Amino acid sequence: MIESWTFEPDNSAPVSPDSVPAALRKRIAGNRLETWLTSSSGRSLAVVTNTERAMVVLLDGPDDPGEHAVTPGAEGWSDGFVLSNGQDDEYPDEDTVPIDEAFRLAEHIVRSGHWPTDATWVSDR
């Protein structure tokens, strides 16, 4: 079964993979730096950004610690990852990816249900 994905909390019609990068850009331009997509199988995809880098997390369900994309060897820290509740997080750059890579990863996950083979990610399970 192929999953369909919707943006939360909109729960509107399923999004097409091709529309994901533009939708994320639009949300970021509107200062919505935390985006959640939910799949028809109950999985969740989070993209939290500071507009330059993003934390991309894939969860199998509500209690799953999930997996997140990484940039091995990246040095430094970035802040400004503002959640919808106002919390402002800071992450090591190694635990985030450049924003364009986040768009690519999100599109691929919505299209196929898994990380691209050339992506680097770690399990938080």
PDB file of N, CA and C in Angstrom:
ATOM      1  N   MET A   1       0.820  -1.179   0.000  1.00  0.00           N
ATOM      2  CA  MET A   1       0.000   0.000   0.000  1.00  0.00           C
ATOM      3  C   MET A   1       0.869   1.250   0.000  1.00  0.00           C
ATOM      4  N   ILE A   2       0.568   2.178  -0.860  1.00  0.00           N
ATOM      5  CA  ILE A   2       1.290   3.439  -0.917  1.00  0.00           C
ATOM      6  C   ILE A   2       0.662   4.401   0.072  1.00  0.00           C
ATOM      7  N   GLU A   3       1.509   5.038   0.869  1.00  0.00           N
ATOM      8  CA  GLU A   3       1.021   6.006   1.842  1.00  0.00           C
ATOM      9  C   GLU A   3       0.634   7.310   1.148  1.00  0.00           C
ATOM     10  N   SER A   4      -0.331   7.988   1.724  1.00  0.00           N
ATOM     11  CA  SER A   4      -0.604   9.362   1.336  1.00  0.00           C
ATOM     12  C   SER A   4      -0.262  10.229   2.548  1.00  0.00           C
ATOM     13  N   TRP A   5       0.120  11.459   2.299  1.00  0.00           N
ATOM     14  CA  TRP A   5       0.563  12.361   3.365  1.00  0.00           C
ATOM     15  C   TRP A   5      -0.252  13.643   3.322  1.00  0.00           C
ATOM     16  N   THR A   6      -0.537  14.187   4.507  1.00  0.00           N
ATOM     17  CA  THR A   6      -1.222  15.470   4.624  1.00  0.00           C
ATOM     18  C   THR A   6      -0.448  16.362   5.585  1.00  0.00           C
ATOM     19  N   PHE A   7      -0.580  17.667   5.397  1.00  0.00           N
ATOM     20  CA  PHE A   7       0.019  18.619   6.326  1.00  0.00           C
ATOM     21  C   PHE A   7      -0.866  18.731   7.561  1.00  0.00           C
ATOM     22  N   GLU A   8      -0.228  18.724   8.731  1.00  0.00           N
ATOM     23  CA  GLU A   8      -0.947  18.919   9.997  1.00  0.00           C
ATOM     24  C   GLU A   8      -0.847  20.393  10.363  1.00  0.00           C
ATOM     25  N   PRO A   9      -1.808  20.988  10.999  1.00  0.00           N
ATOM     26  CA  PRO A   9      -3.064  20.392  11.416  1.00  0.00           C
ATOM     27  C   PRO A   9      -4.138  20.496  10.340  1.00  0.00           C
ATOM     28  N   ASP A  10      -3.744  20.877   9.139  1.00  0.00           N
ATOM     29  CA  ASP A  10      -4.701  21.118   8.060  1.00  0.00           C
ATOM     30  C   ASP A  10      -5.567  19.901   7.754  1.00  0.00           C
ATOM     31  N   ASN A  11      -4.937  18.710   7.749  1.00  0.00           N
ATOM     32  CA  ASN A  11      -5.647  17.474   7.400  1.00  0.00           C
ATOM     33  C   ASN A  11      -6.462  17.634   6.122  1.00  0.00           C
ATOM     34  N   SER A  12      -5.909  18.374   5.203  1.00  0.00           N
ATOM     35  CA  SER A  12      -6.589  18.586   3.927  1.00  0.00           C
ATOM     36  C   SER A  12      -6.331  17.394   3.013  1.00  0.00           C
ATOM     37  N   ALA A  13      -6.562  17.591   1.751  1.00  0.00           N
ATOM     38  CA  ALA A  13      -6.337  16.529   0.775  1.00  0.00           C
ATOM     39  C   ALA A  13      -4.867  16.114   0.801  1.00  0.00           C
ATOM     40  N   PRO A  14      -4.595  14.871   0.466  1.00  0.00           N
ATOM     41  CA  PRO A  14      -3.205  14.415   0.408  1.00  0.00           C
ATOM     42  C   PRO A  14      -2.371  15.306  -0.517  1.00  0.00           C
ATOM     43  N   VAL A  15      -1.104  15.504  -0.108  1.00  0.00           N
ATOM     44  CA  VAL A  15      -0.200  16.330  -0.902  1.00  0.00           C
ATOM     45  C   VAL A  15       0.545  15.462  -1.901  1.00  0.00           C
ATOM     46  N   SER A  16       0.863  16.026  -3.044  1.00  0.00           N
ATOM     47  CA  SER A  16       1.691  15.315  -4.013  1.00  0.00           C
ATOM     48  C   SER A  16       3.149  15.539  -3.633  1.00  0.00           C
ATOM     49  N   PRO A  17       3.993  14.556  -3.864  1.00  0.00           N
ATOM     50  CA  PRO A  17       5.406  14.725  -3.533  1.00  0.00           C
ATOM     51  C   PRO A  17       6.020  15.958  -4.196  1.00  0.00           C
ATOM     52  N   ASP A  18       5.642  16.219  -5.444  1.00  0.00           N
ATOM     53  CA  ASP A  18       6.212  17.359  -6.156  1.00  0.00           C
ATOM     54  C   ASP A  18       5.872  18.691  -5.510  1.00  0.00           C
ATOM     55  N   SER A  19       4.775  18.755  -4.766  1.00  0.00           N
ATOM     56  CA  SER A  19       4.347  20.018  -4.160  1.00  0.00           C
ATOM     57  C   SER A  19       4.988  20.281  -2.801  1.00  0.00           C
ATOM     58  N   VAL A  20       5.652  19.287  -2.241  1.00  0.00           N
ATOM     59  CA  VAL A  20       6.184  19.415  -0.882  1.00  0.00           C
ATOM     60  C   VAL A  20       7.210  20.542  -0.744  1.00  0.00           C
ATOM     61  N   PRO A  21       8.248  20.640  -1.595  1.00  0.00           N
ATOM     62  CA  PRO A  21       9.209  21.734  -1.413  1.00  0.00           C
ATOM     63  C   PRO A  21       8.568  23.121  -1.466  1.00  0.00           C
ATOM     64  N   ALA A  22       7.685  23.359  -2.414  1.00  0.00           N
ATOM     65  CA  ALA A  22       7.034  24.672  -2.527  1.00  0.00           C
ATOM     66  C   ALA A  22       6.150  24.940  -1.309  1.00  0.00           C
ATOM     67  N   ALA A  23       5.455  23.922  -0.835  1.00  0.00           N
ATOM     68  CA  ALA A  23       4.600  24.096   0.344  1.00  0.00           C
ATOM     69  C   ALA A  23       5.446  24.422   1.573  1.00  0.00           C
ATOM     70  N   LEU A  24       6.580  23.747   1.724  1.00  0.00           N
ATOM     71  CA  LEU A  24       7.469  24.044   2.849  1.00  0.00           C
ATOM     72  C   LEU A  24       8.014  25.466   2.740  1.00  0.00           C
ATOM     73  N   ARG A  25       8.429  25.872   1.543  1.00  0.00           N
ATOM     74  CA  ARG A  25       8.927  27.243   1.348  1.00  0.00           C
ATOM     75  C   ARG A  25       7.864  28.275   1.715  1.00  0.00           C
ATOM     76  N   LYS A  26       6.634  28.025   1.317  1.00  0.00           N
ATOM     77  CA  LYS A  26       5.538  28.948   1.604  1.00  0.00           C
ATOM     78  C   LYS A  26       5.292  29.043   3.110  1.00  0.00           C
ATOM     79  N   ARG A  27       5.318  27.915   3.780  1.00  0.00           N
ATOM     80  CA  ARG A  27       5.115  27.913   5.227  1.00  0.00           C
ATOM     81  C   ARG A  27       6.247  28.658   5.925  1.00  0.00           C
ATOM     82  N   ILE A  28       7.478  28.441   5.488  1.00  0.00           N
ATOM     83  CA  ILE A  28       8.627  29.121   6.085  1.00  0.00           C
ATOM     84  C   ILE A  28       8.536  30.625   5.837  1.00  0.00           C
ATOM     85  N   ALA A  29       8.150  31.019   4.632  1.00  0.00           N
ATOM     86  CA  ALA A  29       7.990  32.443   4.314  1.00  0.00           C
ATOM     87  C   ALA A  29       6.925  33.081   5.208  1.00  0.00           C
ATOM     88  N   GLY A  30       5.952  32.304   5.630  1.00  0.00           N
ATOM     89  CA  GLY A  30       4.918  32.772   6.546  1.00  0.00           C
ATOM     90  C   GLY A  30       5.304  32.612   8.007  1.00  0.00           C
ATOM     91  N   ASN A  31       6.594  32.376   8.270  1.00  0.00           N
ATOM     92  CA  ASN A  31       7.159  32.213   9.608  1.00  0.00           C
ATOM     93  C   ASN A  31       6.617  30.994  10.348  1.00  0.00           C
ATOM     94  N   ARG A  32       6.219  29.976   9.600  1.00  0.00           N
ATOM     95  CA  ARG A  32       5.827  28.690  10.195  1.00  0.00           C
ATOM     96  C   ARG A  32       7.039  27.770  10.059  1.00  0.00           C
ATOM     97  N   LEU A  33       7.901  27.781  11.069  1.00  0.00           N
ATOM     98  CA  LEU A  33       9.179  27.085  10.994  1.00  0.00           C
ATOM     99  C   LEU A  33       9.098  25.618  11.400  1.00  0.00           C
ATOM    100  N   GLU A  34       7.973  25.202  11.965  1.00  0.00           N
ATOM    101  CA  GLU A  34       7.752  23.802  12.332  1.00  0.00           C
ATOM    102  C   GLU A  34       6.613  23.262  11.468  1.00  0.00           C
ATOM    103  N   THR A  35       6.897  22.217  10.717  1.00  0.00           N
ATOM    104  CA  THR A  35       5.885  21.602   9.852  1.00  0.00           C
ATOM    105  C   THR A  35       5.827  20.116  10.129  1.00  0.00           C
ATOM    106  N   TRP A  36       4.596  19.600  10.239  1.00  0.00           N
ATOM    107  CA  TRP A  36       4.367  18.177  10.427  1.00  0.00           C
ATOM    108  C   TRP A  36       3.510  17.661   9.289  1.00  0.00           C
ATOM    109  N   LEU A  37       3.894  16.519   8.762  1.00  0.00           N
ATOM    110  CA  LEU A  37       3.064  15.793   7.808  1.00  0.00           C
ATOM    111  C   LEU A  37       2.734  14.446   8.439  1.00  0.00           C
ATOM    112  N   THR A  38       1.519  13.962   8.215  1.00  0.00           N
ATOM    113  CA  THR A  38       1.093  12.673   8.743  1.00  0.00           C
ATOM    114  C   THR A  38       0.699  11.787   7.575  1.00  0.00           C
ATOM    115  N   SER A  39       1.121  10.526   7.645  1.00  0.00           N
ATOM    116  CA  SER A  39       0.809   9.589   6.568  1.00  0.00           C
ATOM    117  C   SER A  39      -0.447   8.808   6.886  1.00  0.00           C
ATOM    118  N   SER A  40      -1.000   8.220   5.861  1.00  0.00           N
ATOM    119  CA  SER A  40      -2.204   7.400   6.011  1.00  0.00           C
ATOM    120  C   SER A  40      -1.948   6.157   6.861  1.00  0.00           C
ATOM    121  N   SER A  41      -0.679   5.804   7.063  1.00  0.00           N
ATOM    122  CA  SER A  41      -0.360   4.653   7.909  1.00  0.00           C
ATOM    123  C   SER A  41      -0.013   5.068   9.340  1.00  0.00           C
ATOM    124  N   GLY A  42      -0.152   6.364   9.647  1.00  0.00           N
ATOM    125  CA  GLY A  42       0.093   6.828  11.009  1.00  0.00           C
ATOM    126  C   GLY A  42       1.493   7.313  11.286  1.00  0.00           C
ATOM    127  N   ARG A  43       2.344   7.320  10.268  1.00  0.00           N
ATOM    128  CA  ARG A  43       3.698   7.833  10.466  1.00  0.00           C
ATOM    129  C   ARG A  43       3.686   9.357  10.397  1.00  0.00           C
ATOM    130  N   SER A  44       4.727   9.982  10.941  1.00  0.00           N
ATOM    131  CA  SER A  44       4.836  11.435  10.922  1.00  0.00           C
ATOM    132  C   SER A  44       6.203  11.854  10.419  1.00  0.00           C
ATOM    133  N   LEU A  45       6.215  12.983   9.731  1.00  0.00           N
ATOM    134  CA  LEU A  45       7.440  13.585   9.220  1.00  0.00           C
ATOM    135  C   LEU A  45       7.465  15.020   9.706  1.00  0.00           C
ATOM    136  N   ALA A  46       8.522  15.397  10.416  1.00  0.00           N
ATOM    137  CA  ALA A  46       8.661  16.758  10.922  1.00  0.00           C
ATOM    138  C   ALA A  46       9.821  17.448  10.222  1.00  0.00           C
ATOM    139  N   VAL A  47       9.611  18.703   9.882  1.00  0.00           N
ATOM    140  CA  VAL A  47      10.671  19.562   9.360  1.00  0.00           C
ATOM    141  C   VAL A  47      10.634  20.833  10.204  1.00  0.00           C
ATOM    142  N   VAL A  48      11.690  21.046  10.993  1.00  0.00           N
ATOM    143  CA  VAL A  48      11.804  22.239  11.824  1.00  0.00           C
ATOM    144  C   VAL A  48      13.048  22.969  11.347  1.00  0.00           C
ATOM    145  N   THR A  49      12.891  24.254  11.009  1.00  0.00           N
ATOM    146  CA  THR A  49      13.995  24.977  10.387  1.00  0.00           C
ATOM    147  C   THR A  49      14.255  26.324  11.051  1.00  0.00           C
ATOM    148  N   ASN A  50      15.447  26.820  10.834  1.00  0.00           N
ATOM    149  CA  ASN A  50      15.787  28.192  11.196  1.00  0.00           C
ATOM    150  C   ASN A  50      15.962  29.018   9.916  1.00  0.00           C
ATOM    151  N   THR A  51      15.498  28.502   8.811  1.00  0.00           N
ATOM    152  CA  THR A  51      15.530  29.028   7.430  1.00  0.00           C
ATOM    153  C   THR A  51      16.841  28.733   6.709  1.00  0.00           C
ATOM    154  N   GLU A  52      17.869  28.297   7.423  1.00  0.00           N
ATOM    155  CA  GLU A  52      19.134  27.919   6.787  1.00  0.00           C
ATOM    156  C   GLU A  52      19.404  26.420   6.894  1.00  0.00           C
ATOM    157  N   ARG A  53      19.085  25.853   8.044  1.00  0.00           N
ATOM    158  CA  ARG A  53      19.264  24.428   8.294  1.00  0.00           C
ATOM    159  C   ARG A  53      17.929  23.885   8.801  1.00  0.00           C
ATOM    160  N   ALA A  54      17.786  22.552   8.784  1.00  0.00           N
ATOM    161  CA  ALA A  54      16.539  21.956   9.261  1.00  0.00           C
ATOM    162  C   ALA A  54      16.801  20.637   9.966  1.00  0.00           C
ATOM    163  N   MET A  55      15.979  20.382  10.962  1.00  0.00           N
ATOM    164  CA  MET A  55      15.917  19.089  11.623  1.00  0.00           C
ATOM    165  C   MET A  55      14.791  18.342  10.908  1.00  0.00           C
ATOM    166  N   VAL A  56      15.115  17.205  10.310  1.00  0.00           N
ATOM    167  CA  VAL A  56      14.124  16.397   9.597  1.00  0.00           C
ATOM    168  C   VAL A  56      14.010  15.077  10.341  1.00  0.00           C
ATOM    169  N   VAL A  57      12.802  14.796  10.840  1.00  0.00           N
ATOM    170  CA  VAL A  57      12.569  13.636  11.695  1.00  0.00           C
ATOM    171  C   VAL A  57      11.445  12.792  11.107  1.00  0.00           C
ATOM    172  N   LEU A  58      11.654  11.479  11.058  1.00  0.00           N
ATOM    173  CA  LEU A  58      10.649  10.536  10.592  1.00  0.00           C
ATOM    174  C   LEU A  58      10.291   9.611  11.749  1.00  0.00           C
ATOM    175  N   LEU A  59       8.990   9.583  12.100  1.00  0.00           N
ATOM    176  CA  LEU A  59       8.501   8.777  13.217  1.00  0.00           C
ATOM    177  C   LEU A  59       7.552   7.705  12.712  1.00  0.00           C
ATOM    178  N   ASP A  60       7.640   6.516  13.289  1.00  0.00           N
ATOM    179  CA  ASP A  60       6.739   5.428  12.916  1.00  0.00           C
ATOM    180  C   ASP A  60       5.385   5.519  13.599  1.00  0.00           C
ATOM    181  N   GLY A  61       5.276   6.293  14.668  1.00  0.00           N
ATOM    182  CA  GLY A  61       4.021   6.439  15.396  1.00  0.00           C
ATOM    183  C   GLY A  61       4.194   7.433  16.520  1.00  0.00           C
ATOM    184  N   PRO A  62       3.141   7.654  17.302  1.00  0.00           N
ATOM    185  CA  PRO A  62       3.165   8.687  18.342  1.00  0.00           C
ATOM    186  C   PRO A  62       4.238   8.507  19.414  1.00  0.00           C
ATOM    187  N   ASP A  63       4.554   7.288  19.793  1.00  0.00           N
ATOM    188  CA  ASP A  63       5.529   7.063  20.859  1.00  0.00           C
ATOM    189  C   ASP A  63       6.919   6.694  20.339  1.00  0.00           C
ATOM    190  N   ASP A  64       7.104   6.751  19.039  1.00  0.00           N
ATOM    191  CA  ASP A  64       8.377   6.372  18.433  1.00  0.00           C
ATOM    192  C   ASP A  64       9.367   7.530  18.523  1.00  0.00           C
ATOM    193  N   PRO A  65      10.597   7.287  19.030  1.00  0.00           N
ATOM    194  CA  PRO A  65      11.604   8.341  19.048  1.00  0.00           C
ATOM    195  C   PRO A  65      12.102   8.689  17.642  1.00  0.00           C
ATOM    196  N   GLY A  66      11.925   7.773  16.706  1.00  0.00           N
ATOM    197  CA  GLY A  66      12.187   8.064  15.300  1.00  0.00           C
ATOM    198  C   GLY A  66      13.624   8.024  14.845  1.00  0.00           C
ATOM    199  N   GLU A  67      13.826   8.706  13.723  1.00  0.00           N
ATOM    200  CA  GLU A  67      15.123   8.802  13.059  1.00  0.00           C
ATOM    201  C   GLU A  67      15.218  10.227  12.531  1.00  0.00           C
ATOM    202  N   HIS A  68      16.450  10.736  12.435  1.00  0.00           N
ATOM    203  CA  HIS A  68      16.579  12.080  11.894  1.00  0.00           C
ATOM    204  C   HIS A  68      17.783  12.179  10.963  1.00  0.00           C
ATOM    205  N   ALA A  69      17.672  13.084  10.007  1.00  0.00           N
ATOM    206  CA  ALA A  69      18.732  13.313   9.030  1.00  0.00           C
ATOM    207  C   ALA A  69      19.897  14.023   9.698  1.00  0.00           C
ATOM    208  N   VAL A  70      21.110  13.694   9.256  1.00  0.00           N
ATOM    209  CA  VAL A  70      22.319  14.291   9.823  1.00  0.00           C
ATOM    210  C   VAL A  70      23.274  14.735   8.721  1.00  0.00           C
ATOM    211  N   THR A  71      24.212  15.584   9.127  1.00  0.00           N
ATOM    212  CA  THR A  71      25.313  16.011   8.261  1.00  0.00           C
ATOM    213  C   THR A  71      26.599  15.628   8.975  1.00  0.00           C
ATOM    214  N   PRO A  72      27.105  14.405   8.742  1.00  0.00           N
ATOM    215  CA  PRO A  72      28.301  13.954   9.457  1.00  0.00           C
ATOM    216  C   PRO A  72      29.473  14.916   9.253  1.00  0.00           C
ATOM    217  N   GLY A  73      30.134  15.216  10.360  1.00  0.00           N
ATOM    218  CA  GLY A  73      31.320  16.059  10.300  1.00  0.00           C
ATOM    219  C   GLY A  73      31.042  17.548  10.331  1.00  0.00           C
ATOM    220  N   ALA A  74      29.770  17.946  10.256  1.00  0.00           N
ATOM    221  CA  ALA A  74      29.463  19.382  10.328  1.00  0.00           C
ATOM    222  C   ALA A  74      29.847  19.890  11.713  1.00  0.00           C
ATOM    223  N   GLU A  75      30.419  21.075  11.755  1.00  0.00           N
ATOM    224  CA  GLU A  75      30.849  21.643  13.024  1.00  0.00           C
ATOM    225  C   GLU A  75      29.993  22.845  13.375  1.00  0.00           C
ATOM    226  N   GLY A  76      29.874  23.097  14.646  1.00  0.00           N
ATOM    227  CA  GLY A  76      29.144  24.256  15.121  1.00  0.00           C
ATOM    228  C   GLY A  76      27.722  23.911  15.530  1.00  0.00           C
ATOM    229  N   TRP A  77      27.033  24.951  15.943  1.00  0.00           N
ATOM    230  CA  TRP A  77      25.658  24.861  16.395  1.00  0.00           C
ATOM    231  C   TRP A  77      24.851  25.940  15.702  1.00  0.00           C
ATOM    232  N   SER A  78      23.561  25.694  15.533  1.00  0.00           N
ATOM    233  CA  SER A  78      22.663  26.696  14.975  1.00  0.00           C
ATOM    234  C   SER A  78      21.455  26.822  15.892  1.00  0.00           C
ATOM    235  N   ASP A  79      20.969  28.046  16.032  1.00  0.00           N
ATOM    236  CA  ASP A  79      19.775  28.265  16.845  1.00  0.00           C
ATOM    237  C   ASP A  79      18.670  28.821  15.962  1.00  0.00           C
ATOM    238  N   GLY A  80      17.571  29.178  16.579  1.00  0.00           N
ATOM    239  CA  GLY A  80      16.458  29.750  15.833  1.00  0.00           C
ATOM    240  C   GLY A  80      15.477  28.735  15.282  1.00  0.00           C
ATOM    241  N   PHE A  81      15.515  27.506  15.786  1.00  0.00           N
ATOM    242  CA  PHE A  81      14.553  26.477  15.374  1.00  0.00           C
ATOM    243  C   PHE A  81      13.319  26.663  16.264  1.00  0.00           C
ATOM    244  N   VAL A  82      12.393  27.495  15.816  1.00  0.00           N
ATOM    245  CA  VAL A  82      11.261  27.894  16.643  1.00  0.00           C
ATOM    246  C   VAL A  82      10.077  26.960  16.400  1.00  0.00           C
ATOM    247  N   LEU A  83       9.625  26.334  17.495  1.00  0.00           N
ATOM    248  CA  LEU A  83       8.476  25.439  17.431  1.00  0.00           C
ATOM    249  C   LEU A  83       7.182  26.237  17.526  1.00  0.00           C
ATOM    250  N   SER A  84       6.081  25.618  17.164  1.00  0.00           N
ATOM    251  CA  SER A  84       4.786  26.300  17.170  1.00  0.00           C
ATOM    252  C   SER A  84       4.372  26.753  18.571  1.00  0.00           C
ATOM    253  N   ASN A  85       4.918  26.137  19.614  1.00  0.00           N
ATOM    254  CA  ASN A  85       4.598  26.543  20.985  1.00  0.00           C
ATOM    255  C   ASN A  85       5.498  27.672  21.482  1.00  0.00           C
ATOM    256  N   GLY A  86       6.363  28.197  20.600  1.00  0.00           N
ATOM    257  CA  GLY A  86       7.248  29.296  20.955  1.00  0.00           C
ATOM    258  C   GLY A  86       8.623  28.867  21.425  1.00  0.00           C
ATOM    259  N   GLN A  87       8.807  27.582  21.688  1.00  0.00           N
ATOM    260  CA  GLN A  87      10.108  27.085  22.125  1.00  0.00           C
ATOM    261  C   GLN A  87      11.132  27.331  21.027  1.00  0.00           C
ATOM    262  N   ASP A  88      12.292  27.869  21.393  1.00  0.00           N
ATOM    263  CA  ASP A  88      13.366  28.191  20.448  1.00  0.00           C
ATOM    264  C   ASP A  88      14.524  27.238  20.721  1.00  0.00           C
ATOM    265  N   ASP A  89      14.735  26.273  19.820  1.00  0.00           N
ATOM    266  CA  ASP A  89      15.756  25.246  20.020  1.00  0.00           C
ATOM    267  C   ASP A  89      17.052  25.573  19.300  1.00  0.00           C
ATOM    268  N   GLU A  90      18.108  24.933  19.790  1.00  0.00           N
ATOM    269  CA  GLU A  90      19.438  25.020  19.204  1.00  0.00           C
ATOM    270  C   GLU A  90      19.916  23.585  19.006  1.00  0.00           C
ATOM    271  N   TYR A  91      20.525  23.310  17.843  1.00  0.00           N
ATOM    272  CA  TYR A  91      20.994  21.957  17.541  1.00  0.00           C
ATOM    273  C   TYR A  91      22.424  21.999  17.010  1.00  0.00           C
ATOM    274  N   PRO A  92      23.176  20.927  17.260  1.00  0.00           N
ATOM    275  CA  PRO A  92      24.467  20.817  16.579  1.00  0.00           C
ATOM    276  C   PRO A  92      24.215  20.733  15.067  1.00  0.00           C
ATOM    277  N   ASP A  93      25.042  21.396  14.283  1.00  0.00           N
ATOM    278  CA  ASP A  93      24.866  21.349  12.828  1.00  0.00           C
ATOM    279  C   ASP A  93      24.931  19.915  12.306  1.00  0.00           C
ATOM    280  N   GLU A  94      25.641  19.054  13.005  1.00  0.00           N
ATOM    281  CA  GLU A  94      25.731  17.648  12.605  1.00  0.00           C
ATOM    282  C   GLU A  94      24.361  16.957  12.673  1.00  0.00           C
ATOM    283  N   ASP A  95      23.461  17.443  13.523  1.00  0.00           N
ATOM    284  CA  ASP A  95      22.129  16.847  13.679  1.00  0.00           C
ATOM    285  C   ASP A  95      21.076  17.494  12.793  1.00  0.00           C
ATOM    286  N   THR A  96      21.502  18.374  11.903  1.00  0.00           N
ATOM    287  CA  THR A  96      20.589  19.043  10.976  1.00  0.00           C
ATOM    288  C   THR A  96      21.158  18.956   9.568  1.00  0.00           C
ATOM    289  N   VAL A  97      20.380  19.418   8.599  1.00  0.00           N
ATOM    290  CA  VAL A  97      20.839  19.432   7.197  1.00  0.00           C
ATOM    291  C   VAL A  97      20.546  20.817   6.611  1.00  0.00           C
ATOM    292  N   PRO A  98      21.265  21.203   5.556  1.00  0.00           N
ATOM    293  CA  PRO A  98      20.935  22.456   4.881  1.00  0.00           C
ATOM    294  C   PRO A  98      19.488  22.431   4.393  1.00  0.00           C
ATOM    295  N   ILE A  99      18.867  23.592   4.359  1.00  0.00           N
ATOM    296  CA  ILE A  99      17.433  23.678   4.064  1.00  0.00           C
ATOM    297  C   ILE A  99      17.062  23.034   2.733  1.00  0.00           C
ATOM    298  N   ASP A 100      17.866  23.230   1.681  1.00  0.00           N
ATOM    299  CA  ASP A 100      17.529  22.609   0.394  1.00  0.00           C
ATOM    300  C   ASP A 100      17.568  21.088   0.477  1.00  0.00           C
ATOM    301  N   GLU A 101      18.467  20.562   1.282  1.00  0.00           N
ATOM    302  CA  GLU A 101      18.512  19.112   1.482  1.00  0.00           C
ATOM    303  C   GLU A 101      17.253  18.656   2.226  1.00  0.00           C
ATOM    304  N   ALA A 102      16.787  19.443   3.175  1.00  0.00           N
ATOM    305  CA  ALA A 102      15.553  19.097   3.897  1.00  0.00           C
ATOM    306  C   ALA A 102      14.377  19.022   2.937  1.00  0.00           C
ATOM    307  N   PHE A 103      14.292  19.961   1.997  1.00  0.00           N
ATOM    308  CA  PHE A 103      13.215  19.924   1.004  1.00  0.00           C
ATOM    309  C   PHE A 103      13.291  18.635   0.185  1.00  0.00           C
ATOM    310  N   ARG A 104      14.505  18.276  -0.229  1.00  0.00           N
ATOM    311  CA  ARG A 104      14.699  17.059  -1.031  1.00  0.00           C
ATOM    312  C   ARG A 104      14.309  15.817  -0.237  1.00  0.00           C
ATOM    313  N   LEU A 105      14.746  15.756   1.015  1.00  0.00           N
ATOM    314  CA  LEU A 105      14.433  14.598   1.854  1.00  0.00           C
ATOM    315  C   LEU A 105      12.929  14.465   2.069  1.00  0.00           C
ATOM    316  N   ALA A 106      12.273  15.568   2.392  1.00  0.00           N
ATOM    317  CA  ALA A 106      10.826  15.524   2.635  1.00  0.00           C
ATOM    318  C   ALA A 106      10.080  15.078   1.381  1.00  0.00           C
ATOM    319  N   GLU A 107      10.461  15.614   0.241  1.00  0.00           N
ATOM    320  CA  GLU A 107       9.812  15.208  -1.009  1.00  0.00           C
ATOM    321  C   GLU A 107       9.994  13.715  -1.256  1.00  0.00           C
ATOM    322  N   HIS A 108      11.203  13.210  -1.054  1.00  0.00           N
ATOM    323  CA  HIS A 108      11.480  11.794  -1.297  1.00  0.00           C
ATOM    324  C   HIS A 108      10.701  10.895  -0.337  1.00  0.00           C
ATOM    325  N   ILE A 109      10.631  11.281   0.933  1.00  0.00           N
ATOM    326  CA  ILE A 109       9.898  10.470   1.908  1.00  0.00           C
ATOM    327  C   ILE A 109       8.410  10.443   1.572  1.00  0.00           C
ATOM    328  N   VAL A 110       7.849  11.585   1.178  1.00  0.00           N
ATOM    329  CA  VAL A 110       6.434  11.618   0.799  1.00  0.00           C
ATOM    330  C   VAL A 110       6.202  10.782  -0.460  1.00  0.00           C
ATOM    331  N   ARG A 111       7.177  10.769  -1.351  1.00  0.00           N
ATOM    332  CA  ARG A 111       7.053   9.998  -2.597  1.00  0.00           C
ATOM    333  C   ARG A 111       7.197   8.499  -2.356  1.00  0.00           C
ATOM    334  N   SER A 112       8.176   8.110  -1.529  1.00  0.00           N
ATOM    335  CA  SER A 112       8.529   6.691  -1.436  1.00  0.00           C
ATOM    336  C   SER A 112       8.299   6.058  -0.069  1.00  0.00           C
ATOM    337  N   GLY A 113       8.180   6.883   0.961  1.00  0.00           N
ATOM    338  CA  GLY A 113       7.997   6.347   2.304  1.00  0.00           C
ATOM    339  C   GLY A 113       9.278   6.064   3.054  1.00  0.00           C
ATOM    340  N   HIS A 114      10.423   6.348   2.442  1.00  0.00           N
ATOM    341  CA  HIS A 114      11.691   6.078   3.130  1.00  0.00           C
ATOM    342  C   HIS A 114      12.733   7.119   2.736  1.00  0.00           C
ATOM    343  N   TRP A 115      13.842   7.098   3.483  1.00  0.00           N
ATOM    344  CA  TRP A 115      14.947   8.016   3.200  1.00  0.00           C
ATOM    345  C   TRP A 115      15.563   7.695   1.840  1.00  0.00           C
ATOM    346  N   PRO A 116      16.066   8.698   1.125  1.00  0.00           N
ATOM    347  CA  PRO A 116      16.806   8.412  -0.108  1.00  0.00           C
ATOM    348  C   PRO A 116      18.047   7.580   0.230  1.00  0.00           C
ATOM    349  N   THR A 117      18.485   6.765  -0.685  1.00  0.00           N
ATOM    350  CA  THR A 117      19.641   5.904  -0.417  1.00  0.00           C
ATOM    351  C   THR A 117      20.915   6.699  -0.180  1.00  0.00           C
ATOM    352  N   ASP A 118      20.983   7.923  -0.702  1.00  0.00           N
ATOM    353  CA  ASP A 118      22.186   8.733  -0.499  1.00  0.00           C
ATOM    354  C   ASP A 118      22.087   9.652   0.727  1.00  0.00           C
ATOM    355  N   ALA A 119      21.008   9.551   1.477  1.00  0.00           N
ATOM    356  CA  ALA A 119      20.845  10.380   2.686  1.00  0.00           C
ATOM    357  C   ALA A 119      21.541   9.715   3.867  1.00  0.00           C
ATOM    358  N   THR A 120      21.985  10.557   4.797  1.00  0.00           N
ATOM    359  CA  THR A 120      22.559  10.044   6.029  1.00  0.00           C
ATOM    360  C   THR A 120      21.599  10.388   7.152  1.00  0.00           C
ATOM    361  N   TRP A 121      21.233   9.380   7.895  1.00  0.00           N
ATOM    362  CA  TRP A 121      20.310   9.567   9.005  1.00  0.00           C
ATOM    363  C   TRP A 121      20.698   8.636  10.150  1.00  0.00           C
ATOM    364  N   VAL A 122      20.221   8.952  11.336  1.00  0.00           N
ATOM    365  CA  VAL A 122      20.496   8.108  12.497  1.00  0.00           C
ATOM    366  C   VAL A 122      19.181   7.744  13.173  1.00  0.00           C
ATOM    367  N   SER A 123      19.175   6.581  13.783  1.00  0.00           N
ATOM    368  CA  SER A 123      18.011   6.143  14.544  1.00  0.00           C
ATOM    369  C   SER A 123      18.119   6.682  15.967  1.00  0.00           C
ATOM    370  N   ASP A 124      17.030   7.204  16.482  1.00  0.00           N
ATOM    371  CA  ASP A 124      16.978   7.682  17.867  1.00  0.00           C
ATOM    372  C   ASP A 124      16.264   6.658  18.752  1.00  0.00           C
ATOM    373  N   ARG A 125      16.027   5.475  18.203  1.00  0.00           N
ATOM    374  CA  ARG A 125      15.326   4.415  18.936  1.00  0.00           C
ATOM    375  C   ARG A 125      16.236   3.749  19.943  1.00  0.00           C
TER     376      ARG A 125
END
